[in-house]
């Protein structure tokens, strides 16, 4: 399982969404992205998100390259708040585990 900063990638809501009403199917995004996130749908003549969790967390270059502005990513402030909460929760869980097993709760003071 892929992780990012210790968080399972599938739990991180960072990936593009396509505004199909704006997408012209130019494939600039598909040509750019090396991670197989996007695909051209021949039937619709539009881009679709094929593998959302292959997207590099915090990368939004395909959206910046889209000449029609058809690619969107999560709101940065909301995403930062999500990450802060997740990382804090993860740190609290680590502290709970360490405290529960006592491995770091009493350190040797060298006889003092």
PDB file of N, CA and C in Angstrom:
ATOM      1  N   UNK A   1       0.845  -1.184   0.000  1.00  0.00           N
ATOM      2  CA  UNK A   1       0.000   0.000   0.000  1.00  0.00           C
ATOM      3  C   UNK A   1       0.891   1.249   0.000  1.00  0.00           C
ATOM      4  N   UNK A   2       0.596   2.172  -0.888  1.00  0.00           N
ATOM      5  CA  UNK A   2       1.330   3.427  -0.950  1.00  0.00           C
ATOM      6  C   UNK A   2       0.911   4.317   0.211  1.00  0.00           C
ATOM      7  N   UNK A   3       1.882   5.020   0.760  1.00  0.00           N
ATOM      8  CA  UNK A   3       1.587   5.996   1.804  1.00  0.00           C
ATOM      9  C   UNK A   3       2.244   7.325   1.453  1.00  0.00           C
ATOM     10  N   UNK A   4       1.757   8.366   2.075  1.00  0.00           N
ATOM     11  CA  UNK A   4       2.342   9.701   1.943  1.00  0.00           C
ATOM     12  C   UNK A   4       2.358  10.287   3.337  1.00  0.00           C
ATOM     13  N   UNK A   5       3.554  10.593   3.830  1.00  0.00           N
ATOM     14  CA  UNK A   5       3.724  11.066   5.212  1.00  0.00           C
ATOM     15  C   UNK A   5       3.061  10.131   6.206  1.00  0.00           C
ATOM     16  N   UNK A   6       3.116   8.840   5.896  1.00  0.00           N
ATOM     17  CA  UNK A   6       2.563   7.825   6.777  1.00  0.00           C
ATOM     18  C   UNK A   6       1.063   7.610   6.645  1.00  0.00           C
ATOM     19  N   UNK A   7       0.411   8.353   5.773  1.00  0.00           N
ATOM     20  CA  UNK A   7      -1.034   8.230   5.576  1.00  0.00           C
ATOM     21  C   UNK A   7      -1.268   7.376   4.335  1.00  0.00           C
ATOM     22  N   UNK A   8      -2.118   6.356   4.422  1.00  0.00           N
ATOM     23  CA  UNK A   8      -2.419   5.567   3.225  1.00  0.00           C
ATOM     24  C   UNK A   8      -2.922   6.475   2.096  1.00  0.00           C
ATOM     25  N   UNK A   9      -2.356   6.327   0.925  1.00  0.00           N
ATOM     26  CA  UNK A   9      -2.674   7.213  -0.199  1.00  0.00           C
ATOM     27  C   UNK A   9      -4.169   7.221  -0.518  1.00  0.00           C
ATOM     28  N   UNK A  10      -4.840   6.107  -0.376  1.00  0.00           N
ATOM     29  CA  UNK A  10      -6.260   6.031  -0.689  1.00  0.00           C
ATOM     30  C   UNK A  10      -7.121   6.853   0.278  1.00  0.00           C
ATOM     31  N   UNK A  11      -6.524   7.306   1.381  1.00  0.00           N
ATOM     32  CA  UNK A  11      -7.260   8.126   2.345  1.00  0.00           C
ATOM     33  C   UNK A  11      -7.014   9.614   2.147  1.00  0.00           C
ATOM     34  N   UNK A  12      -6.229   9.957   1.135  1.00  0.00           N
ATOM     35  CA  UNK A  12      -5.886  11.352   0.885  1.00  0.00           C
ATOM     36  C   UNK A  12      -6.689  11.855  -0.321  1.00  0.00           C
ATOM     37  N   UNK A  13      -7.578  12.809  -0.109  1.00  0.00           N
ATOM     38  CA  UNK A  13      -8.437  13.281  -1.189  1.00  0.00           C
ATOM     39  C   UNK A  13      -7.763  14.309  -2.102  1.00  0.00           C
ATOM     40  N   UNK A  14      -6.622  13.936  -2.669  1.00  0.00           N
ATOM     41  CA  UNK A  14      -5.928  14.834  -3.595  1.00  0.00           C
ATOM     42  C   UNK A  14      -5.822  14.163  -4.957  1.00  0.00           C
ATOM     43  N   UNK A  15      -6.614  14.629  -5.877  1.00  0.00           N
ATOM     44  CA  UNK A  15      -6.584  14.156  -7.258  1.00  0.00           C
ATOM     45  C   UNK A  15      -7.425  15.121  -8.085  1.00  0.00           C
ATOM     46  N   UNK A  16      -7.238  15.110  -9.395  1.00  0.00           N
ATOM     47  CA  UNK A  16      -7.979  16.053 -10.232  1.00  0.00           C
ATOM     48  C   UNK A  16      -9.420  15.622 -10.460  1.00  0.00           C
ATOM     49  N   UNK A  17     -10.245  16.604 -10.765  1.00  0.00           N
ATOM     50  CA  UNK A  17     -11.579  16.359 -11.289  1.00  0.00           C
ATOM     51  C   UNK A  17     -11.668  17.128 -12.606  1.00  0.00           C
ATOM     52  N   UNK A  18     -12.439  16.604 -13.520  1.00  0.00           N
ATOM     53  CA  UNK A  18     -12.543  17.201 -14.845  1.00  0.00           C
ATOM     54  C   UNK A  18     -13.923  17.830 -15.025  1.00  0.00           C
ATOM     55  N   UNK A  19     -13.940  19.081 -15.424  1.00  0.00           N
ATOM     56  CA  UNK A  19     -15.193  19.755 -15.790  1.00  0.00           C
ATOM     57  C   UNK A  19     -15.438  19.409 -17.250  1.00  0.00           C
ATOM     58  N   UNK A  20     -16.274  18.399 -17.474  1.00  0.00           N
ATOM     59  CA  UNK A  20     -16.454  17.901 -18.838  1.00  0.00           C
ATOM     60  C   UNK A  20     -17.061  18.953 -19.770  1.00  0.00           C
ATOM     61  N   UNK A  21     -17.781  19.924 -19.212  1.00  0.00           N
ATOM     62  CA  UNK A  21     -18.334  20.980 -20.056  1.00  0.00           C
ATOM     63  C   UNK A  21     -17.252  21.908 -20.601  1.00  0.00           C
ATOM     64  N   UNK A  22     -16.087  21.931 -19.946  1.00  0.00           N
ATOM     65  CA  UNK A  22     -14.975  22.778 -20.397  1.00  0.00           C
ATOM     66  C   UNK A  22     -13.927  21.998 -21.189  1.00  0.00           C
ATOM     67  N   UNK A  23     -13.830  20.701 -20.929  1.00  0.00           N
ATOM     68  CA  UNK A  23     -12.782  19.877 -21.546  1.00  0.00           C
ATOM     69  C   UNK A  23     -13.019  19.748 -23.056  1.00  0.00           C
ATOM     70  N   UNK A  24     -11.966  20.043 -23.826  1.00  0.00           N
ATOM     71  CA  UNK A  24     -12.048  19.912 -25.285  1.00  0.00           C
ATOM     72  C   UNK A  24     -11.382  18.634 -25.776  1.00  0.00           C
ATOM     73  N   UNK A  25     -10.783  17.878 -24.850  1.00  0.00           N
ATOM     74  CA  UNK A  25     -10.128  16.629 -25.234  1.00  0.00           C
ATOM     75  C   UNK A  25      -8.771  16.825 -25.888  1.00  0.00           C
ATOM     76  N   UNK A  26      -8.122  17.949 -25.634  1.00  0.00           N
ATOM     77  CA  UNK A  26      -6.835  18.243 -26.295  1.00  0.00           C
ATOM     78  C   UNK A  26      -5.709  17.297 -25.872  1.00  0.00           C
ATOM     79  N   UNK A  27      -5.840  16.680 -24.719  1.00  0.00           N
ATOM     80  CA  UNK A  27      -4.910  15.692 -24.181  1.00  0.00           C
ATOM     81  C   UNK A  27      -3.579  16.271 -23.683  1.00  0.00           C
ATOM     82  N   UNK A  28      -3.508  17.581 -23.496  1.00  0.00           N
ATOM     83  CA  UNK A  28      -2.300  18.194 -22.937  1.00  0.00           C
ATOM     84  C   UNK A  28      -1.985  17.575 -21.580  1.00  0.00           C
ATOM     85  N   UNK A  29      -2.997  17.371 -20.773  1.00  0.00           N
ATOM     86  CA  UNK A  29      -2.821  16.804 -19.432  1.00  0.00           C
ATOM     87  C   UNK A  29      -2.346  15.355 -19.495  1.00  0.00           C
ATOM     88  N   UNK A  30      -2.937  14.583 -20.383  1.00  0.00           N
ATOM     89  CA  UNK A  30      -2.560  13.169 -20.533  1.00  0.00           C
ATOM     90  C   UNK A  30      -1.106  13.066 -20.981  1.00  0.00           C
ATOM     91  N   UNK A  31      -0.726  13.917 -21.926  1.00  0.00           N
ATOM     92  CA  UNK A  31       0.652  13.907 -22.427  1.00  0.00           C
ATOM     93  C   UNK A  31       1.652  14.299 -21.341  1.00  0.00           C
ATOM     94  N   UNK A  32       1.237  15.192 -20.443  1.00  0.00           N
ATOM     95  CA  UNK A  32       2.144  15.637 -19.384  1.00  0.00           C
ATOM     96  C   UNK A  32       2.312  14.617 -18.258  1.00  0.00           C
ATOM     97  N   UNK A  33       1.218  14.069 -17.757  1.00  0.00           N
ATOM     98  CA  UNK A  33       1.253  13.264 -16.527  1.00  0.00           C
ATOM     99  C   UNK A  33       1.887  11.894 -16.751  1.00  0.00           C
ATOM    100  N   UNK A  34       2.997  11.615 -16.044  1.00  0.00           N
ATOM    101  CA  UNK A  34       3.673  10.325 -16.192  1.00  0.00           C
ATOM    102  C   UNK A  34       3.108   9.227 -15.287  1.00  0.00           C
ATOM    103  N   UNK A  35       2.052   9.546 -14.520  1.00  0.00           N
ATOM    104  CA  UNK A  35       1.551   8.615 -13.505  1.00  0.00           C
ATOM    105  C   UNK A  35       0.264   7.901 -13.880  1.00  0.00           C
ATOM    106  N   UNK A  36      -0.151   8.002 -15.117  1.00  0.00           N
ATOM    107  CA  UNK A  36      -1.338   7.282 -15.592  1.00  0.00           C
ATOM    108  C   UNK A  36      -2.596   7.662 -14.810  1.00  0.00           C
ATOM    109  N   UNK A  37      -2.684   8.936 -14.416  1.00  0.00           N
ATOM    110  CA  UNK A  37      -3.845   9.408 -13.677  1.00  0.00           C
ATOM    111  C   UNK A  37      -5.016   9.670 -14.629  1.00  0.00           C
ATOM    112  N   UNK A  38      -4.697  10.226 -15.790  1.00  0.00           N
ATOM    113  CA  UNK A  38      -5.721  10.667 -16.731  1.00  0.00           C
ATOM    114  C   UNK A  38      -5.723   9.819 -17.998  1.00  0.00           C
ATOM    115  N   UNK A  39      -6.883   9.804 -18.652  1.00  0.00           N
ATOM    116  CA  UNK A  39      -7.014   9.011 -19.872  1.00  0.00           C
ATOM    117  C   UNK A  39      -7.994   9.713 -20.808  1.00  0.00           C
ATOM    118  N   UNK A  40      -7.758   9.583 -22.098  1.00  0.00           N
ATOM    119  CA  UNK A  40      -8.689  10.120 -23.087  1.00  0.00           C
ATOM    120  C   UNK A  40      -9.778   9.095 -23.342  1.00  0.00           C
ATOM    121  N   UNK A  41     -11.022   9.510 -23.144  1.00  0.00           N
ATOM    122  CA  UNK A  41     -12.176   8.640 -23.397  1.00  0.00           C
ATOM    123  C   UNK A  41     -12.598   8.862 -24.849  1.00  0.00           C
ATOM    124  N   UNK A  42     -12.318   7.879 -25.685  1.00  0.00           N
ATOM    125  CA  UNK A  42     -12.604   7.975 -27.127  1.00  0.00           C
ATOM    126  C   UNK A  42     -14.091   8.234 -27.395  1.00  0.00           C
ATOM    127  N   UNK A  43     -14.946   7.569 -26.651  1.00  0.00           N
ATOM    128  CA  UNK A  43     -16.386   7.697 -26.871  1.00  0.00           C
ATOM    129  C   UNK A  43     -16.879   9.112 -26.591  1.00  0.00           C
ATOM    130  N   UNK A  44     -16.457   9.664 -25.461  1.00  0.00           N
ATOM    131  CA  UNK A  44     -16.906  10.998 -25.066  1.00  0.00           C
ATOM    132  C   UNK A  44     -16.078  12.109 -25.703  1.00  0.00           C
ATOM    133  N   UNK A  45     -14.848  11.758 -26.116  1.00  0.00           N
ATOM    134  CA  UNK A  45     -13.955  12.783 -26.649  1.00  0.00           C
ATOM    135  C   UNK A  45     -13.442  13.715 -25.577  1.00  0.00           C
ATOM    136  N   UNK A  46     -13.409  13.217 -24.348  1.00  0.00           N
ATOM    137  CA  UNK A  46     -13.009  14.015 -23.183  1.00  0.00           C
ATOM    138  C   UNK A  46     -11.987  13.238 -22.349  1.00  0.00           C
ATOM    139  N   UNK A  47     -11.389  13.942 -21.426  1.00  0.00           N
ATOM    140  CA  UNK A  47     -10.449  13.331 -20.489  1.00  0.00           C
ATOM    141  C   UNK A  47     -11.235  12.817 -19.287  1.00  0.00           C
ATOM    142  N   UNK A  48     -10.815  11.667 -18.762  1.00  0.00           N
ATOM    143  CA  UNK A  48     -11.392  11.131 -17.528  1.00  0.00           C
ATOM    144  C   UNK A  48     -10.262  10.855 -16.542  1.00  0.00           C
ATOM    145  N   UNK A  49     -10.615  10.819 -15.271  1.00  0.00           N
ATOM    146  CA  UNK A  49      -9.654  10.463 -14.230  1.00  0.00           C
ATOM    147  C   UNK A  49      -9.679   8.945 -14.126  1.00  0.00           C
ATOM    148  N   UNK A  50      -8.593   8.322 -14.541  1.00  0.00           N
ATOM    149  CA  UNK A  50      -8.502   6.863 -14.599  1.00  0.00           C
ATOM    150  C   UNK A  50      -8.004   6.265 -13.277  1.00  0.00           C
ATOM    151  N   UNK A  51      -6.940   6.820 -12.742  1.00  0.00           N
ATOM    152  CA  UNK A  51      -6.314   6.314 -11.505  1.00  0.00           C
ATOM    153  C   UNK A  51      -6.064   7.483 -10.552  1.00  0.00           C
ATOM    154  N   UNK A  52      -7.092   7.929  -9.830  1.00  0.00           N
ATOM    155  CA  UNK A  52      -6.947   9.132  -9.007  1.00  0.00           C
ATOM    156  C   UNK A  52      -5.834   9.054  -7.961  1.00  0.00           C
ATOM    157  N   UNK A  53      -5.634   7.875  -7.386  1.00  0.00           N
ATOM    158  CA  UNK A  53      -4.647   7.784  -6.307  1.00  0.00           C
ATOM    159  C   UNK A  53      -3.220   7.606  -6.815  1.00  0.00           C
ATOM    160  N   UNK A  54      -3.044   7.632  -8.128  1.00  0.00           N
ATOM    161  CA  UNK A  54      -1.697   7.693  -8.703  1.00  0.00           C
ATOM    162  C   UNK A  54      -1.200   9.137  -8.746  1.00  0.00           C
ATOM    163  N   UNK A  55      -2.106  10.077  -8.521  1.00  0.00           N
ATOM    164  CA  UNK A  55      -1.741  11.489  -8.555  1.00  0.00           C
ATOM    165  C   UNK A  55      -0.776  11.791  -7.407  1.00  0.00           C
ATOM    166  N   UNK A  56       0.261  12.541  -7.714  1.00  0.00           N
ATOM    167  CA  UNK A  56       1.227  12.951  -6.696  1.00  0.00           C
ATOM    168  C   UNK A  56       0.552  13.984  -5.797  1.00  0.00           C
ATOM    169  N   UNK A  57       0.560  13.727  -4.498  1.00  0.00           N
ATOM    170  CA  UNK A  57      -0.088  14.627  -3.551  1.00  0.00           C
ATOM    171  C   UNK A  57       0.534  16.019  -3.666  1.00  0.00           C
ATOM    172  N   UNK A  58      -0.316  16.994  -3.793  1.00  0.00           N
ATOM    173  CA  UNK A  58      -0.005  18.421  -3.928  1.00  0.00           C
ATOM    174  C   UNK A  58       0.497  18.831  -5.313  1.00  0.00           C
ATOM    175  N   UNK A  59       0.535  17.908  -6.269  1.00  0.00           N
ATOM    176  CA  UNK A  59       0.867  18.281  -7.644  1.00  0.00           C
ATOM    177  C   UNK A  59      -0.424  18.697  -8.344  1.00  0.00           C
ATOM    178  N   UNK A  60      -0.386  19.798  -9.036  1.00  0.00           N
ATOM    179  CA  UNK A  60      -1.546  20.255  -9.799  1.00  0.00           C
ATOM    180  C   UNK A  60      -1.120  20.798 -11.159  1.00  0.00           C
ATOM    181  N   UNK A  61       0.018  20.336 -11.634  1.00  0.00           N
ATOM    182  CA  UNK A  61       0.571  20.855 -12.884  1.00  0.00           C
ATOM    183  C   UNK A  61      -0.356  20.640 -14.058  1.00  0.00           C
ATOM    184  N   UNK A  62      -1.006  19.491 -14.155  1.00  0.00           N
ATOM    185  CA  UNK A  62      -1.915  19.249 -15.283  1.00  0.00           C
ATOM    186  C   UNK A  62      -3.007  20.308 -15.328  1.00  0.00           C
ATOM    187  N   UNK A  63      -3.484  20.718 -14.164  1.00  0.00           N
ATOM    188  CA  UNK A  63      -4.504  21.758 -14.100  1.00  0.00           C
ATOM    189  C   UNK A  63      -3.990  23.102 -14.580  1.00  0.00           C
ATOM    190  N   UNK A  64      -2.742  23.374 -14.282  1.00  0.00           N
ATOM    191  CA  UNK A  64      -2.140  24.637 -14.734  1.00  0.00           C
ATOM    192  C   UNK A  64      -1.883  24.620 -16.232  1.00  0.00           C
ATOM    193  N   UNK A  65      -1.645  23.433 -16.791  1.00  0.00           N
ATOM    194  CA  UNK A  65      -1.376  23.313 -18.221  1.00  0.00           C
ATOM    195  C   UNK A  65      -2.637  23.292 -19.073  1.00  0.00           C
ATOM    196  N   UNK A  66      -3.768  22.967 -18.481  1.00  0.00           N
ATOM    197  CA  UNK A  66      -5.017  22.848 -19.244  1.00  0.00           C
ATOM    198  C   UNK A  66      -5.412  24.203 -19.832  1.00  0.00           C
ATOM    199  N   UNK A  67      -5.456  24.302 -21.162  1.00  0.00           N
ATOM    200  CA  UNK A  67      -5.769  25.591 -21.779  1.00  0.00           C
ATOM    201  C   UNK A  67      -7.218  26.046 -21.545  1.00  0.00           C
ATOM    202  N   UNK A  68      -8.089  25.118 -21.183  1.00  0.00           N
ATOM    203  CA  UNK A  68      -9.499  25.455 -20.964  1.00  0.00           C
ATOM    204  C   UNK A  68      -9.859  25.618 -19.494  1.00  0.00           C
ATOM    205  N   UNK A  69      -8.925  25.356 -18.591  1.00  0.00           N
ATOM    206  CA  UNK A  69      -9.224  25.435 -17.163  1.00  0.00           C
ATOM    207  C   UNK A  69     -10.219  24.382 -16.724  1.00  0.00           C
ATOM    208  N   UNK A  70     -10.162  23.210 -17.364  1.00  0.00           N
ATOM    209  CA  UNK A  70     -11.139  22.143 -17.092  1.00  0.00           C
ATOM    210  C   UNK A  70     -10.733  21.221 -15.947  1.00  0.00           C
ATOM    211  N   UNK A  71      -9.522  21.378 -15.429  1.00  0.00           N
ATOM    212  CA  UNK A  71      -9.032  20.472 -14.384  1.00  0.00           C
ATOM    213  C   UNK A  71      -8.963  21.225 -13.063  1.00  0.00           C
ATOM    214  N   UNK A  72      -9.605  20.656 -12.069  1.00  0.00           N
ATOM    215  CA  UNK A  72      -9.646  21.256 -10.732  1.00  0.00           C
ATOM    216  C   UNK A  72      -9.060  20.299  -9.708  1.00  0.00           C
ATOM    217  N   UNK A  73      -8.584  20.883  -8.628  1.00  0.00           N
ATOM    218  CA  UNK A  73      -8.058  20.128  -7.492  1.00  0.00           C
ATOM    219  C   UNK A  73      -8.747  20.625  -6.233  1.00  0.00           C
ATOM    220  N   UNK A  74      -8.630  19.880  -5.125  1.00  0.00           N
ATOM    221  CA  UNK A  74      -9.256  20.339  -3.878  1.00  0.00           C
ATOM    222  C   UNK A  74      -8.771  21.737  -3.475  1.00  0.00           C
ATOM    223  N   UNK A  75      -9.628  22.434  -2.763  1.00  0.00           N
ATOM    224  CA  UNK A  75      -9.277  23.744  -2.221  1.00  0.00           C
ATOM    225  C   UNK A  75      -8.036  23.593  -1.327  1.00  0.00           C
ATOM    226  N   UNK A  76      -7.036  24.430  -1.548  1.00  0.00           N
ATOM    227  CA  UNK A  76      -5.774  24.283  -0.817  1.00  0.00           C
ATOM    228  C   UNK A  76      -5.924  24.487   0.684  1.00  0.00           C
ATOM    229  N   UNK A  77      -6.723  25.455   1.098  1.00  0.00           N
ATOM    230  CA  UNK A  77      -6.902  25.703   2.537  1.00  0.00           C
ATOM    231  C   UNK A  77      -7.595  24.511   3.207  1.00  0.00           C
ATOM    232  N   UNK A  78      -8.626  23.992   2.574  1.00  0.00           N
ATOM    233  CA  UNK A  78      -9.328  22.831   3.130  1.00  0.00           C
ATOM    234  C   UNK A  78      -8.416  21.611   3.149  1.00  0.00           C
ATOM    235  N   UNK A  79      -7.615  21.448   2.102  1.00  0.00           N
ATOM    236  CA  UNK A  79      -6.701  20.311   2.050  1.00  0.00           C
ATOM    237  C   UNK A  79      -5.627  20.436   3.129  1.00  0.00           C
ATOM    238  N   UNK A  80      -5.095  21.626   3.342  1.00  0.00           N
ATOM    239  CA  UNK A  80      -4.101  21.838   4.400  1.00  0.00           C
ATOM    240  C   UNK A  80      -4.692  21.526   5.769  1.00  0.00           C
ATOM    241  N   UNK A  81      -5.934  21.927   5.993  1.00  0.00           N
ATOM    242  CA  UNK A  81      -6.607  21.630   7.265  1.00  0.00           C
ATOM    243  C   UNK A  81      -6.774  20.124   7.437  1.00  0.00           C
ATOM    244  N   UNK A  82      -7.143  19.431   6.360  1.00  0.00           N
ATOM    245  CA  UNK A  82      -7.265  17.976   6.396  1.00  0.00           C
ATOM    246  C   UNK A  82      -5.927  17.342   6.786  1.00  0.00           C
ATOM    247  N   UNK A  83      -4.853  17.782   6.139  1.00  0.00           N
ATOM    248  CA  UNK A  83      -3.534  17.208   6.433  1.00  0.00           C
ATOM    249  C   UNK A  83      -3.103  17.471   7.870  1.00  0.00           C
ATOM    250  N   UNK A  84      -3.306  18.692   8.341  1.00  0.00           N
ATOM    251  CA  UNK A  84      -2.939  19.018   9.718  1.00  0.00           C
ATOM    252  C   UNK A  84      -3.668  18.115  10.705  1.00  0.00           C
ATOM    253  N   UNK A  85      -4.961  17.920  10.469  1.00  0.00           N
ATOM    254  CA  UNK A  85      -5.764  17.073  11.357  1.00  0.00           C
ATOM    255  C   UNK A  85      -5.282  15.630  11.301  1.00  0.00           C
ATOM    256  N   UNK A  86      -5.043  15.121  10.106  1.00  0.00           N
ATOM    257  CA  UNK A  86      -4.601  13.727   9.945  1.00  0.00           C
ATOM    258  C   UNK A  86      -3.241  13.494  10.573  1.00  0.00           C
ATOM    259  N   UNK A  87      -2.309  14.414  10.361  1.00  0.00           N
ATOM    260  CA  UNK A  87      -0.965  14.267  10.912  1.00  0.00           C
ATOM    261  C   UNK A  87      -1.015  14.370  12.439  1.00  0.00           C
ATOM    262  N   UNK A  88      -1.826  15.276  12.972  1.00  0.00           N
ATOM    263  CA  UNK A  88      -1.975  15.397  14.429  1.00  0.00           C
ATOM    264  C   UNK A  88      -2.581  14.132  15.016  1.00  0.00           C
ATOM    265  N   UNK A  89      -3.590  13.578  14.343  1.00  0.00           N
ATOM    266  CA  UNK A  89      -4.223  12.340  14.813  1.00  0.00           C
ATOM    267  C   UNK A  89      -3.217  11.191  14.801  1.00  0.00           C
ATOM    268  N   UNK A  90      -2.427  11.142  13.748  1.00  0.00           N
ATOM    269  CA  UNK A  90      -1.409  10.097  13.620  1.00  0.00           C
ATOM    270  C   UNK A  90      -0.355  10.228  14.728  1.00  0.00           C
ATOM    271  N   UNK A  91       0.082  11.445  15.005  1.00  0.00           N
ATOM    272  CA  UNK A  91       1.070  11.673  16.060  1.00  0.00           C
ATOM    273  C   UNK A  91       0.499  11.296  17.427  1.00  0.00           C
ATOM    274  N   UNK A  92      -0.775  11.617  17.663  1.00  0.00           N
ATOM    275  CA  UNK A  92      -1.411  11.254  18.937  1.00  0.00           C
ATOM    276  C   UNK A  92      -1.486   9.742  19.087  1.00  0.00           C
ATOM    277  N   UNK A  93      -1.759   9.036  18.006  1.00  0.00           N
ATOM    278  CA  UNK A  93      -1.816   7.575  18.053  1.00  0.00           C
ATOM    279  C   UNK A  93      -0.445   6.987  18.359  1.00  0.00           C
ATOM    280  N   UNK A  94       0.594   7.542  17.766  1.00  0.00           N
ATOM    281  CA  UNK A  94       1.958   7.071  18.043  1.00  0.00           C
ATOM    282  C   UNK A  94       2.293   7.316  19.513  1.00  0.00           C
ATOM    283  N   UNK A  95       1.953   8.497  20.025  1.00  0.00           N
ATOM    284  CA  UNK A  95       2.215   8.796  21.447  1.00  0.00           C
ATOM    285  C   UNK A  95       1.458   7.828  22.349  1.00  0.00           C
ATOM    286  N   UNK A  96       0.214   7.511  21.982  1.00  0.00           N
ATOM    287  CA  UNK A  96      -0.591   6.587  22.779  1.00  0.00           C
ATOM    288  C   UNK A  96       0.057   5.206  22.807  1.00  0.00           C
ATOM    289  N   UNK A  97       0.514   4.748  21.669  1.00  0.00           N
ATOM    290  CA  UNK A  97       1.146   3.421  21.584  1.00  0.00           C
ATOM    291  C   UNK A  97       2.434   3.389  22.389  1.00  0.00           C
ATOM    292  N   UNK A  98       3.252   4.415  22.236  1.00  0.00           N
ATOM    293  CA  UNK A  98       4.533   4.464  22.952  1.00  0.00           C
ATOM    294  C   UNK A  98       4.292   4.522  24.455  1.00  0.00           C
ATOM    295  N   UNK A  99       3.332   5.327  24.876  1.00  0.00           N
ATOM    296  CA  UNK A  99       3.020   5.440  26.301  1.00  0.00           C
ATOM    297  C   UNK A  99       2.440   4.127  26.837  1.00  0.00           C
ATOM    298  N   UNK A 100       1.608   3.478  26.061  1.00  0.00           N
ATOM    299  CA  UNK A 100       0.973   2.231  26.490  1.00  0.00           C
ATOM    300  C   UNK A 100       1.987   1.117  26.698  1.00  0.00           C
ATOM    301  N   UNK A 101       3.005   1.048  25.837  1.00  0.00           N
ATOM    302  CA  UNK A 101       3.981  -0.034  26.018  1.00  0.00           C
ATOM    303  C   UNK A 101       5.121   0.370  26.942  1.00  0.00           C
ATOM    304  N   UNK A 102       5.157   1.660  27.337  1.00  0.00           N
ATOM    305  CA  UNK A 102       6.140   2.111  28.312  1.00  0.00           C
ATOM    306  C   UNK A 102       7.555   2.219  27.794  1.00  0.00           C
ATOM    307  N   UNK A 103       7.780   2.008  26.526  1.00  0.00           N
ATOM    308  CA  UNK A 103       9.148   1.992  26.014  1.00  0.00           C
ATOM    309  C   UNK A 103       9.845   3.335  26.102  1.00  0.00           C
ATOM    310  N   UNK A 104       9.114   4.420  26.048  1.00  0.00           N
ATOM    311  CA  UNK A 104       9.752   5.725  26.136  1.00  0.00           C
ATOM    312  C   UNK A 104       9.275   6.521  27.350  1.00  0.00           C
ATOM    313  N   UNK A 105       8.450   5.934  28.195  1.00  0.00           N
ATOM    314  CA  UNK A 105       7.890   6.704  29.302  1.00  0.00           C
ATOM    315  C   UNK A 105       8.879   6.915  30.438  1.00  0.00           C
ATOM    316  N   UNK A 106       9.850   5.992  30.613  1.00  0.00           N
ATOM    317  CA  UNK A 106      10.854   6.152  31.675  1.00  0.00           C
ATOM    318  C   UNK A 106      12.217   5.876  31.078  1.00  0.00           C
ATOM    319  N   UNK A 107      12.975   6.914  30.927  1.00  0.00           N
ATOM    320  CA  UNK A 107      14.314   6.742  30.362  1.00  0.00           C
ATOM    321  C   UNK A 107      15.318   6.612  31.495  1.00  0.00           C
ATOM    322  N   UNK A 108      16.350   5.880  31.219  1.00  0.00           N
ATOM    323  CA  UNK A 108      17.412   5.705  32.213  1.00  0.00           C
ATOM    324  C   UNK A 108      18.102   7.030  32.462  1.00  0.00           C
ATOM    325  N   UNK A 109      18.357   7.337  33.704  1.00  0.00           N
ATOM    326  CA  UNK A 109      19.047   8.584  34.048  1.00  0.00           C
ATOM    327  C   UNK A 109      20.485   8.305  34.434  1.00  0.00           C
ATOM    328  N   UNK A 110      20.960   7.118  34.185  1.00  0.00           N
ATOM    329  CA  UNK A 110      22.347   6.780  34.485  1.00  0.00           C
ATOM    330  C   UNK A 110      22.651   6.756  35.969  1.00  0.00           C
ATOM    331  N   UNK A 111      21.675   6.363  36.806  1.00  0.00           N
ATOM    332  CA  UNK A 111      21.903   6.232  38.238  1.00  0.00           C
ATOM    333  C   UNK A 111      21.636   7.498  39.007  1.00  0.00           C
ATOM    334  N   UNK A 112      21.145   8.525  38.364  1.00  0.00           N
ATOM    335  CA  UNK A 112      20.881   9.785  39.066  1.00  0.00           C
ATOM    336  C   UNK A 112      19.515   9.813  39.665  1.00  0.00           C
TER     337      UNK A 112
END
